Amino acid sequence: MVQRKIKGKKGKKKIAAAPLAVKKPEQKKVTNPLFEKRPRNFSIGQDIQPKRDLSRFVKWPKYVRIQRQRAILYQRIKVPPPINQFTQCLDRQTATNLFKLLDKYKPESKAAKKQRLLQRAEQKSRGREDAPTKRLPVVR
């Protein structure tokens, strides 16, 4: 059994206490005795209540509501990465270029395969060597 040295807890450094602050005598504000302070009373039949900020309760346009709700839903939902990749798609021009490129490398159709095998069979029946055709590069 390996013995380990038990280290004591390292104490945090204590910060020196601030010296006792000498309080400055506060000067009282001079008030005019002719003006009497009357607190406002907002109960029924008394003072009018102050205007509240009601901008939150405005009927917003539909497109504003929809875009806000969509933003909240996107925050709440946890989307798996394979699905989330479709939120960022290529622009139209790049997409057309990509599909043109992929079209050149698409797999052989059943009709083309049948045609190729028929040509091989004809060559074999004529007595030529059966040379396998080269496979073209394909994106699947």
Protein backbone atom coordinates (compact mmCIF):
# COMPACT_ATOMS: atom_id res chain seq x y z
CA MET A 1 0.00 0.00 0.00
CA VAL A 2 1.37 3.36 -1.03
CA GLN A 3 1.25 6.03 1.60
CA ARG A 4 0.44 9.53 0.53
CA LYS A 5 1.32 12.68 2.29
CA ILE A 6 -1.80 14.43 3.48
CA LYS A 7 -1.53 18.11 2.84
CA GLY A 8 -3.39 20.57 4.98
CA LYS A 9 -5.86 23.00 3.45
CA LYS A 10 -4.27 26.12 2.13
CA GLY A 11 -5.84 29.09 3.86
CA LYS A 12 -7.02 31.94 1.70
CA LYS A 13 -5.18 35.18 2.17
CA LYS A 14 -7.11 37.52 4.39
CA ILE A 15 -7.57 41.01 3.10
CA ALA A 16 -6.77 43.73 5.58
CA ALA A 17 -9.88 45.35 7.01
CA ALA A 18 -10.60 48.86 5.81
CA PRO A 19 -9.92 51.54 8.39
CA LEU A 20 -12.98 52.91 10.11
CA ALA A 21 -14.27 55.70 7.94
CA VAL A 22 -14.94 58.95 9.68
CA LYS A 23 -18.48 59.98 8.82
CA LYS A 24 -18.87 63.48 7.51
CA PRO A 25 -21.72 65.44 9.00
CA GLU A 26 -24.46 65.64 6.37
CA GLN A 27 -25.91 69.05 5.72
CA LYS A 28 -29.68 69.20 5.87
CA LYS A 29 -31.39 70.57 2.78
CA VAL A 30 -32.98 73.91 3.35
CA THR A 31 -36.71 73.64 2.67
CA ASN A 32 -39.13 76.45 2.26
CA PRO A 33 -41.74 76.23 5.05
CA LEU A 34 -44.38 77.72 2.74
CA PHE A 35 -44.39 74.60 0.56
CA GLU A 36 -46.01 71.69 2.33
CA LYS A 37 -45.08 68.16 1.22
CA ARG A 38 -48.18 66.13 0.35
CA PRO A 39 -47.64 62.47 -0.58
CA ARG A 40 -49.79 61.36 -3.52
CA ASN A 41 -52.55 58.84 -2.88
CA PHE A 42 -53.45 56.62 -5.85
CA SER A 43 -56.46 54.90 -4.27
CA ILE A 44 -59.96 55.10 -5.77
CA GLY A 45 -61.20 58.65 -6.20
CA GLN A 46 -57.83 60.16 -5.36
CA ASP A 47 -54.82 61.10 -7.51
CA ILE A 48 -54.58 59.96 -11.13
CA GLN A 49 -52.15 57.09 -11.58
CA PRO A 50 -48.98 57.78 -13.56
CA LYS A 51 -48.90 56.70 -17.20
CA ARG A 52 -47.53 53.18 -17.59
CA ASP A 53 -45.35 51.85 -20.41
CA LEU A 54 -47.85 49.77 -22.42
CA SER A 55 -45.59 49.10 -25.42
CA ARG A 56 -45.47 45.41 -24.46
CA PHE A 57 -49.22 45.09 -24.93
CA VAL A 58 -49.29 46.59 -28.43
CA LYS A 59 -50.86 44.44 -31.14
CA TRP A 60 -47.76 43.79 -33.20
CA PRO A 61 -47.93 43.04 -36.94
CA LYS A 62 -48.22 39.36 -37.78
CA TYR A 63 -44.79 39.10 -39.39
CA VAL A 64 -43.15 40.56 -36.26
CA ARG A 65 -44.97 38.08 -34.00
CA ILE A 66 -44.05 35.16 -36.25
CA GLN A 67 -40.36 36.04 -36.45
CA ARG A 68 -40.18 36.49 -32.67
CA GLN A 69 -41.92 33.17 -32.03
CA ARG A 70 -39.63 31.43 -34.52
CA ALA A 71 -36.55 32.83 -32.78
CA ILE A 72 -37.83 31.59 -29.40
CA LEU A 73 -38.61 28.13 -30.78
CA TYR A 74 -35.13 27.88 -32.31
CA GLN A 75 -33.66 28.75 -28.91
CA ARG A 76 -35.78 26.16 -27.08
CA ILE A 77 -35.51 23.24 -29.46
CA LYS A 78 -32.41 21.10 -29.57
CA VAL A 79 -31.99 20.09 -33.20
CA PRO A 80 -29.70 17.17 -34.05
CA PRO A 81 -26.81 18.23 -36.32
CA PRO A 82 -27.84 16.07 -39.32
CA ILE A 83 -31.14 17.95 -39.45
CA ASN A 84 -29.70 21.36 -38.56
CA GLN A 85 -27.42 21.27 -41.62
CA PHE A 86 -30.45 21.97 -43.82
CA THR A 87 -30.99 25.39 -42.20
CA GLN A 88 -27.85 26.61 -44.02
CA CYS A 89 -28.16 25.76 -47.70
CA LEU A 90 -26.27 26.93 -50.78
CA ASP A 91 -27.38 29.89 -52.83
CA ARG A 92 -29.09 29.13 -56.13
CA GLN A 93 -26.11 29.70 -58.43
CA THR A 94 -23.73 27.51 -56.41
CA ALA A 95 -26.41 24.82 -56.10
CA THR A 96 -26.93 24.66 -59.88
CA ASN A 97 -23.18 24.37 -60.43
CA LEU A 98 -23.00 21.59 -57.84
CA PHE A 99 -25.86 19.64 -59.42
CA LYS A 100 -24.29 19.98 -62.88
CA LEU A 101 -21.05 18.56 -61.50
CA LEU A 102 -22.81 15.72 -59.68
CA ASP A 103 -24.80 14.91 -62.83
CA LYS A 104 -21.54 14.08 -64.64
CA TYR A 105 -20.65 11.55 -61.93
CA LYS A 106 -24.04 9.95 -61.34
CA PRO A 107 -24.18 6.12 -61.22
CA GLU A 108 -24.90 4.10 -64.34
CA SER A 109 -28.61 3.59 -65.05
CA LYS A 110 -30.05 0.08 -65.53
CA ALA A 111 -30.60 0.71 -69.27
CA ALA A 112 -26.98 1.87 -69.75
CA LYS A 113 -25.68 -1.15 -67.84
CA LYS A 114 -27.77 -3.50 -70.00
CA GLN A 115 -26.42 -1.82 -73.14
CA ARG A 116 -22.81 -2.14 -71.92
CA LEU A 117 -23.23 -5.84 -71.05
CA LEU A 118 -24.86 -6.54 -74.44
CA GLN A 119 -21.87 -4.99 -76.23
CA ARG A 120 -19.50 -7.14 -74.15
CA ALA A 121 -21.53 -10.25 -75.00
CA GLU A 122 -21.45 -9.41 -78.73
CA GLN A 123 -17.68 -8.95 -78.64
CA LYS A 124 -17.31 -12.26 -76.80
CA SER A 125 -19.51 -14.06 -79.39
CA ARG A 126 -17.36 -12.65 -82.23
CA GLY A 127 -14.35 -14.30 -80.63
CA ARG A 128 -12.56 -11.24 -79.24
CA GLU A 129 -10.95 -11.24 -75.81
CA ASP A 130 -13.36 -10.48 -72.98
CA ALA A 131 -11.78 -7.29 -71.65
CA PRO A 132 -13.71 -5.81 -68.73
CA THR A 133 -14.82 -2.23 -69.35
CA LYS A 134 -13.22 0.47 -67.23
CA ARG A 135 -15.36 1.73 -64.40
CA LEU A 136 -16.00 5.43 -64.51
CA PRO A 137 -15.66 7.51 -61.32
CA VAL A 138 -19.05 7.75 -59.61
CA VAL A 139 -20.53 9.74 -56.73
CA ARG A 140 -23.18 7.77 -54.88
